[in-house]
C-alpha atoms as a PDB file:
ATOM      1  CA  MET A   1     114.260 172.327   0.436  1.00  0.00           C
ATOM      2  CA  ASP A   2     111.559 174.879   0.523  1.00  0.00           C
ATOM      3  CA  ARG A   3     107.957 174.385   1.849  1.00  0.00           C
ATOM      4  CA  LYS A   4     106.398 173.760  -1.785  1.00  0.00           C
ATOM      5  CA  GLU A   5     108.965 170.838  -2.320  1.00  0.00           C
ATOM      6  CA  ILE A   6     108.174 169.387   1.143  1.00  0.00           C
ATOM      7  CA  LYS A   7     104.381 169.561   0.522  1.00  0.00           C
ATOM      8  CA  LYS A   8     104.828 168.020  -2.989  1.00  0.00           C
ATOM      9  CA  SER A   9     106.889 165.221  -1.549  1.00  0.00           C
ATOM     10  CA  ILE A  10     104.370 164.468   1.160  1.00  0.00           C
ATOM     11  CA  ASP A  11     101.448 164.495  -1.379  1.00  0.00           C
ATOM     12  CA  ILE A  12     103.362 162.054  -3.723  1.00  0.00           C
ATOM     13  CA  LEU A  13     104.101 159.835  -0.604  1.00  0.00           C
ATOM     14  CA  LEU A  14     100.345 159.838   0.347  1.00  0.00           C
ATOM     15  CA  ASP A  15      99.299 159.100  -3.284  1.00  0.00           C
ATOM     16  CA  GLU A  16     101.726 156.193  -3.304  1.00  0.00           C
ATOM     17  CA  LYS A  17     100.403 154.890   0.126  1.00  0.00           C
ATOM     18  CA  ILE A  18      96.786 155.266  -0.734  1.00  0.00           C
ATOM     19  CA  ASN A  19      97.088 153.729  -4.251  1.00  0.00           C
ATOM     20  CA  LYS A  20      98.625 150.701  -2.716  1.00  0.00           C
ATOM     21  CA  LEU A  21      95.580 150.407  -0.176  1.00  0.00           C
ATOM     22  CA  GLY A  22      92.677 148.081  -1.292  1.00  0.00           C
ATOM     23  CA  LYS A  23      89.258 149.427  -2.241  1.00  0.00           C
ATOM     24  CA  ASN A  24      87.669 148.693   1.278  1.00  0.00           C
ATOM     25  CA  GLN A  25      90.474 150.472   2.918  1.00  0.00           C
ATOM     26  CA  LYS A  26      90.150 153.568   0.773  1.00  0.00           C
ATOM     27  CA  VAL A  27      86.285 153.492   1.492  1.00  0.00           C
ATOM     28  CA  ALA A  28      87.106 153.303   5.258  1.00  0.00           C
ATOM     29  CA  ILE A  29      89.398 156.431   5.064  1.00  0.00           C
ATOM     30  CA  VAL A  30      86.814 158.409   3.058  1.00  0.00           C
ATOM     31  CA  ALA A  31      83.993 157.333   5.560  1.00  0.00           C
ATOM     32  CA  GLY A  32      86.312 158.218   8.514  1.00  0.00           C
ATOM     33  CA  ALA A  33      87.085 161.596   6.933  1.00  0.00           C
ATOM     34  CA  VAL A  34      83.374 162.373   6.580  1.00  0.00           C
ATOM     35  CA  ALA A  35      82.295 160.886  10.011  1.00  0.00           C
ATOM     36  CA  LEU A  36      84.878 162.704  11.989  1.00  0.00           C
ATOM     37  CA  PRO A  37      83.666 166.454  11.284  1.00  0.00           C
ATOM     38  CA  LEU A  38      80.134 164.980  11.943  1.00  0.00           C
ATOM     39  CA  ALA A  39      81.145 163.552  15.183  1.00  0.00           C
ATOM     40  CA  LEU A  40      82.849 166.703  16.235  1.00  0.00           C
ATOM     41  CA  PHE A  41      79.731 168.900  15.281  1.00  0.00           C
ATOM     42  CA  TYR A  42      77.543 166.502  17.367  1.00  0.00           C
ATOM     43  CA  PHE A  43      79.453 166.440  20.543  1.00  0.00           C
ATOM     44  CA  LEU A  44      80.768 170.023  20.517  1.00  0.00           C
ATOM     45  CA  LEU A  45      77.910 171.966  19.002  1.00  0.00           C
ATOM     46  CA  TYR A  46      74.528 170.079  18.566  1.00  0.00           C
ATOM     47  CA  SER A  47      74.315 168.066  21.783  1.00  0.00           C
ATOM     48  CA  PRO A  48      74.932 171.029  24.088  1.00  0.00           C
ATOM     49  CA  LYS A  49      72.503 173.167  22.075  1.00  0.00           C
ATOM     50  CA  HIS A  50      69.856 170.366  21.889  1.00  0.00           C
ATOM     51  CA  LYS A  51      69.860 170.139  25.622  1.00  0.00           C
ATOM     52  CA  GLU A  52      69.649 173.736  26.008  1.00  0.00           C
ATOM     53  CA  ILE A  53      66.677 173.795  23.633  1.00  0.00           C
ATOM     54  CA  THR A  54      64.941 171.006  25.427  1.00  0.00           C
ATOM     55  CA  ASP A  55      65.440 172.887  28.822  1.00  0.00           C
ATOM     56  CA  LEU A  56      63.889 176.103  27.159  1.00  0.00           C
ATOM     57  CA  GLU A  57      60.879 174.180  25.875  1.00  0.00           C
ATOM     58  CA  ALA A  58      60.307 172.742  29.262  1.00  0.00           C
ATOM     59  CA  ASN A  59      60.630 176.088  30.985  1.00  0.00           C
ATOM     60  CA  LYS A  60      58.192 177.405  28.230  1.00  0.00           C
ATOM     61  CA  ALA A  61      55.613 174.818  28.989  1.00  0.00           C
ATOM     62  CA  SER A  62      55.899 175.377  32.743  1.00  0.00           C
ATOM     63  CA  LEU A  63      55.352 179.243  32.268  1.00  0.00           C
ATOM     64  CA  GLU A  64      52.488 178.653  30.046  1.00  0.00           C
ATOM     65  CA  GLN A  65      50.791 176.499  32.509  1.00  0.00           C
ATOM     66  CA  GLU A  66      51.543 179.087  35.321  1.00  0.00           C
ATOM     67  CA  ILE A  67      50.154 181.924  32.975  1.00  0.00           C
ATOM     68  CA  GLY A  68      47.155 179.604  32.522  1.00  0.00           C
ATOM     69  CA  GLN A  69      46.554 179.249  36.215  1.00  0.00           C
ATOM     70  CA  LEU A  70      46.882 182.970  36.731  1.00  0.00           C
ATOM     71  CA  GLU A  71      44.323 183.803  33.973  1.00  0.00           C
ATOM     72  CA  ALA A  72      41.846 181.347  35.543  1.00  0.00           C
ATOM     73  CA  LYS A  73      42.223 183.017  38.809  1.00  0.00           C
ATOM     74  CA  ALA A  74      41.813 186.384  37.221  1.00  0.00           C
ATOM     75  CA  ARG A  75      38.575 185.289  35.593  1.00  0.00           C
ATOM     76  CA  LYS A  76      37.355 183.993  38.932  1.00  0.00           C
ATOM     77  CA  LEU A  77      38.228 187.358  40.575  1.00  0.00           C
ATOM     78  CA  GLU A  78      36.229 189.079  37.984  1.00  0.00           C
ATOM     79  CA  GLU A  79      33.342 186.831  38.506  1.00  0.00           C
ATOM     80  CA  HIS A  80      33.391 187.437  42.276  1.00  0.00           C
ATOM     81  CA  LYS A  81      33.459 191.159  41.539  1.00  0.00           C
ATOM     82  CA  ALA A  82      30.670 190.889  39.291  1.00  0.00           C
ATOM     83  CA  GLU A  83      28.602 188.924  41.978  1.00  0.00           C
ATOM     84  CA  MET A  84      29.466 191.449  44.706  1.00  0.00           C
ATOM     85  CA  ALA A  85      28.358 194.351  42.305  1.00  0.00           C
ATOM     86  CA  GLU A  86      25.134 192.401  41.645  1.00  0.00           C
ATOM     87  CA  ILE A  87      24.459 191.928  45.324  1.00  0.00           C
ATOM     88  CA  GLU A  88      25.222 195.602  46.239  1.00  0.00           C
ATOM     89  CA  GLN A  89      22.790 196.682  43.455  1.00  0.00           C
ATOM     90  CA  SER A  90      20.013 194.358  44.750  1.00  0.00           C
ATOM     91  CA  PHE A  91      20.834 195.654  48.317  1.00  0.00           C
ATOM     92  CA  ARG A  92      20.487 199.467  47.317  1.00  0.00           C
ATOM     93  CA  ILE A  93      17.136 198.682  45.509  1.00  0.00           C
ATOM     94  CA  ALA A  94      15.783 196.536  48.419  1.00  0.00           C
ATOM     95  CA  SER A  95      16.893 199.245  51.139  1.00  0.00           C
ATOM     96  CA  GLN A  96      14.297 201.565  49.561  1.00  0.00           C
ATOM     97  CA  LEU A  97      11.400 199.175  50.370  1.00  0.00           C
ATOM     98  CA  ILE A  98      12.884 196.970  53.081  1.00  0.00           C
ATOM     99  CA  PRO A  99      14.027 198.583  56.441  1.00  0.00           C
ATOM    100  CA  GLU A 100      17.254 197.717  58.245  1.00  0.00           C
ATOM    101  CA  GLN A 101      17.501 195.680  61.483  1.00  0.00           C
ATOM    102  CA  LYS A 102      17.069 198.807  63.748  1.00  0.00           C
ATOM    103  CA  GLU A 103      13.813 199.685  62.104  1.00  0.00           C
ATOM    104  CA  ILE A 104      12.030 196.424  62.594  1.00  0.00           C
ATOM    105  CA  PRO A 105      10.833 196.871  66.242  1.00  0.00           C
ATOM    106  CA  SER A 106       9.038 200.236  65.079  1.00  0.00           C
ATOM    107  CA  LEU A 107       7.675 198.612  62.128  1.00  0.00           C
ATOM    108  CA  LEU A 108       6.156 195.785  63.952  1.00  0.00           C
ATOM    109  CA  THR A 109       4.689 198.469  66.427  1.00  0.00           C
ATOM    110  CA  SER A 110       3.278 200.281  63.621  1.00  0.00           C
ATOM    111  CA  ILE A 111       1.586 197.046  62.197  1.00  0.00           C
ATOM    112  CA  SER A 112       0.279 196.353  65.657  1.00  0.00           C
ATOM    113  CA  GLY A 113      -1.031 199.838  65.855  1.00  0.00           C
ATOM    114  CA  LEU A 114      -2.649 199.473  62.409  1.00  0.00           C
ATOM    115  CA  ALA A 115      -4.615 196.365  63.775  1.00  0.00           C
ATOM    116  CA  THR A 116      -5.910 198.226  66.688  1.00  0.00           C
ATOM    117  CA  ASN A 117      -6.782 201.364  64.922  1.00  0.00           C
ATOM    118  CA  SER A 118      -8.736 199.150  62.365  1.00  0.00           C
ATOM    119  CA  GLY A 119     -11.006 197.808  65.284  1.00  0.00           C
ATOM    120  CA  LEU A 120      -9.145 194.471  65.738  1.00  0.00           C
ATOM    121  CA  GLU A 121      -8.424 193.022  69.136  1.00  0.00           C
ATOM    122  CA  ILE A 122      -5.042 191.549  69.221  1.00  0.00           C
ATOM    123  CA  ILE A 123      -5.069 188.147  70.907  1.00  0.00           C
ATOM    124  CA  THR A 124      -1.498 186.956  70.029  1.00  0.00           C
ATOM    125  CA  PHE A 125       1.508 188.612  68.389  1.00  0.00           C
ATOM    126  CA  THR A 126       4.348 186.144  68.300  1.00  0.00           C
ATOM    127  CA  PRO A 127       7.638 186.888  66.211  1.00  0.00           C
ATOM    128  CA  GLN A 128       9.281 183.745  64.928  1.00  0.00           C
ATOM    129  CA  LYS A 129      12.899 182.992  63.975  1.00  0.00           C
ATOM    130  CA  GLU A 130      14.336 185.070  61.267  1.00  0.00           C
ATOM    131  CA  VAL A 131      14.856 183.547  57.919  1.00  0.00           C
ATOM    132  CA  PRO A 132      17.739 184.700  55.818  1.00  0.00           C
ATOM    133  CA  LYS A 133      17.459 184.986  52.048  1.00  0.00           C
ATOM    134  CA  ASP A 134      19.849 186.382  49.374  1.00  0.00           C
ATOM    135  CA  PHE A 135      19.893 189.915  50.180  1.00  0.00           C
ATOM    136  CA  TYR A 136      17.185 190.238  52.779  1.00  0.00           C
ATOM    137  CA  ALA A 137      15.636 188.276  55.732  1.00  0.00           C
ATOM    138  CA  GLU A 138      12.097 187.408  56.390  1.00  0.00           C
ATOM    139  CA  ILE A 139      10.810 188.068  60.010  1.00  0.00           C
ATOM    140  CA  PRO A 140       7.663 185.936  60.325  1.00  0.00           C
ATOM    141  CA  VAL A 141       5.070 186.900  62.945  1.00  0.00           C
ATOM    142  CA  VAL A 142       2.179 184.559  64.028  1.00  0.00           C
ATOM    143  CA  MET A 143      -0.973 186.767  64.671  1.00  0.00           C
ATOM    144  CA  GLN A 144      -4.415 186.116  65.978  1.00  0.00           C
ATOM    145  CA  VAL A 145      -6.924 188.926  66.150  1.00  0.00           C
ATOM    146  CA  LYS A 146     -10.701 189.244  66.765  1.00  0.00           C
ATOM    147  CA  GLY A 147     -12.964 191.533  64.957  1.00  0.00           C
ATOM    148  CA  THR A 148     -15.285 191.811  61.909  1.00  0.00           C
ATOM    149  CA  TYR A 149     -14.390 190.939  58.374  1.00  0.00           C
ATOM    150  CA  HIS A 150     -14.820 194.626  57.442  1.00  0.00           C
ATOM    151  CA  ASN A 151     -12.356 195.593  60.101  1.00  0.00           C
ATOM    152  CA  PHE A 152      -9.826 192.993  58.878  1.00  0.00           C
ATOM    153  CA  GLY A 153     -10.147 194.172  55.437  1.00  0.00           C
ATOM    154  CA  HIS A 154      -9.286 197.570  56.542  1.00  0.00           C
ATOM    155  CA  PHE A 155      -6.318 196.298  58.386  1.00  0.00           C
ATOM    156  CA  LEU A 156      -4.970 194.557  55.131  1.00  0.00           C
ATOM    157  CA  ASP A 157      -5.438 197.797  53.186  1.00  0.00           C
ATOM    158  CA  GLN A 158      -3.619 199.823  55.744  1.00  0.00           C
ATOM    159  CA  VAL A 159      -0.792 197.207  55.722  1.00  0.00           C
ATOM    160  CA  GLY A 160      -0.629 197.362  51.762  1.00  0.00           C
ATOM    161  CA  HIS A 161      -0.029 201.229  52.072  1.00  0.00           C
ATOM    162  CA  LEU A 162       2.934 201.029  54.300  1.00  0.00           C
ATOM    163  CA  PRO A 163       6.154 202.480  52.785  1.00  0.00           C
ATOM    164  CA  ARG A 164       7.838 199.146  53.905  1.00  0.00           C
ATOM    165  CA  ILE A 165       6.853 195.771  52.631  1.00  0.00           C
ATOM    166  CA  ALA A 166       4.991 193.448  54.815  1.00  0.00           C
ATOM    167  CA  THR A 167       2.837 190.692  53.625  1.00  0.00           C
ATOM    168  CA  ILE A 168       0.103 188.569  55.155  1.00  0.00           C
ATOM    169  CA  SER A 169      -0.616 184.984  54.309  1.00  0.00           C
ATOM    170  CA  ASN A 170      -2.347 181.820  55.624  1.00  0.00           C
ATOM    171  CA  ILE A 171      -5.512 183.620  56.793  1.00  0.00           C
ATOM    172  CA  SER A 172      -7.979 181.641  58.674  1.00  0.00           C
ATOM    173  CA  MET A 173     -11.332 182.838  60.153  1.00  0.00           C
ATOM    174  CA  THR A 174     -13.162 180.848  62.691  1.00  0.00           C
ATOM    175  CA  SER A 175     -15.712 180.975  65.615  1.00  0.00           C
ATOM    176  CA  PRO A 176     -18.123 183.422  64.178  1.00  0.00           C
ATOM    177  CA  THR A 177     -20.166 185.185  67.124  1.00  0.00           C
ATOM    178  CA  ARG A 178     -22.783 187.977  66.669  1.00  0.00           C
ATOM    179  CA  VAL A 179     -21.970 190.767  68.939  1.00  0.00           C
ATOM    180  CA  ALA A 180     -24.047 194.010  68.868  1.00  0.00           C
ATOM    181  CA  GLY A 181     -25.399 193.070  65.541  1.00  0.00           C
ATOM    182  CA  GLN A 182     -22.025 192.492  64.092  1.00  0.00           C
ATOM    183  CA  MET A 183     -20.305 189.131  63.345  1.00  0.00           C
ATOM    184  CA  GLN A 184     -17.123 188.781  65.268  1.00  0.00           C
ATOM    185  CA  LEU A 185     -14.409 186.410  63.918  1.00  0.00           C
ATOM    186  CA  ASN A 186     -11.301 184.695  65.404  1.00  0.00           C
ATOM    187  CA  ILE A 187      -8.704 185.563  62.615  1.00  0.00           C
ATOM    188  CA  ASP A 188      -5.394 183.728  62.554  1.00  0.00           C
ATOM    189  CA  PHE A 189      -2.672 184.741  59.899  1.00  0.00           C
ATOM    190  CA  ASN A 190       0.979 184.902  59.398  1.00  0.00           C
ATOM    191  CA  LEU A 191       2.635 188.533  59.104  1.00  0.00           C
ATOM    192  CA  THR A 192       5.948 188.703  57.370  1.00  0.00           C
ATOM    193  CA  ALA A 193       8.071 191.712  57.793  1.00  0.00           C
ATOM    194  CA  TYR A 194      11.508 192.036  55.990  1.00  0.00           C
ATOM    195  CA  ARG A 195      14.720 193.597  56.594  1.00  0.00           C
ATOM    196  CA  THR A 196      17.810 194.244  54.426  1.00  0.00           C
ATOM    197  CA  ILE A 197      21.069 192.387  55.052  1.00  0.00           C
ATOM    198  CA  SER A 198      24.496 193.886  54.198  1.00  0.00           C
ATOM    199  CA  PRO A 199      26.437 192.360  51.211  1.00  0.00           C
ATOM    200  CA  GLN A 200      29.012 191.104  53.722  1.00  0.00           C
ATOM    201  CA  GLU A 201      26.156 189.285  55.666  1.00  0.00           C
ATOM    202  CA  ALA A 202      24.713 187.988  52.354  1.00  0.00           C
ATOM    203  CA  LYS A 203      28.075 186.635  51.499  1.00  0.00           C
ATOM    204  CA  ALA A 204      28.456 184.957  54.963  1.00  0.00           C
ATOM    205  CA  ASN A 205      25.006 183.392  54.430  1.00  0.00           C
ATOM    206  CA  GLU A 206      25.900 182.157  50.997  1.00  0.00           C
ATOM    207  CA  LYS A 207      28.969 180.251  52.620  1.00  0.00           C
ATOM    208  CA  LYS A 208      26.678 178.592  55.120  1.00  0.00           C
ATOM    209  CA  LYS A 209      24.573 176.993  52.495  1.00  0.00           C
END
């Protein structure tokens, strides 16, 4: 018996067996025939791939979060660079009008000399504690001089023409006394000189606030 005859005999046998089965049994056989490939597909192909896809999606979300954090750090770095550039620009502008620390003693000496040359008698000249600002520092000095109103006005004019910035505030004139035909006054005021601070010092001062 060749293969064709064997196959034909098996087909006839299967037909006879299946035809003898009830309707429910036939439906169960068909359902099993459909379900078996689906089950094999799920366990052999779909389930491993689904886990792989889930893992990849989790890794993608983690990478996106890391990228977001790096981008935020980069933005902050650019902001800090812009702040430093602004401070350095302000420093360059200020340095043209405001002396460095080493120039302050000579500046104060010059101002004291201006008062004397204007005909004022210096009673007190008391530097106070330095006050740091953004890119400069204030150096306040409490002064009291004695002289005429005209002499004091000349002193103010001379201070205003200094190549470096210095300001005078809180002026108080008391105890008028006529001497040799001129009205002498005791004049109290606050002199403020300024000095530049380096960008590094400015940054350190900012951290202290």
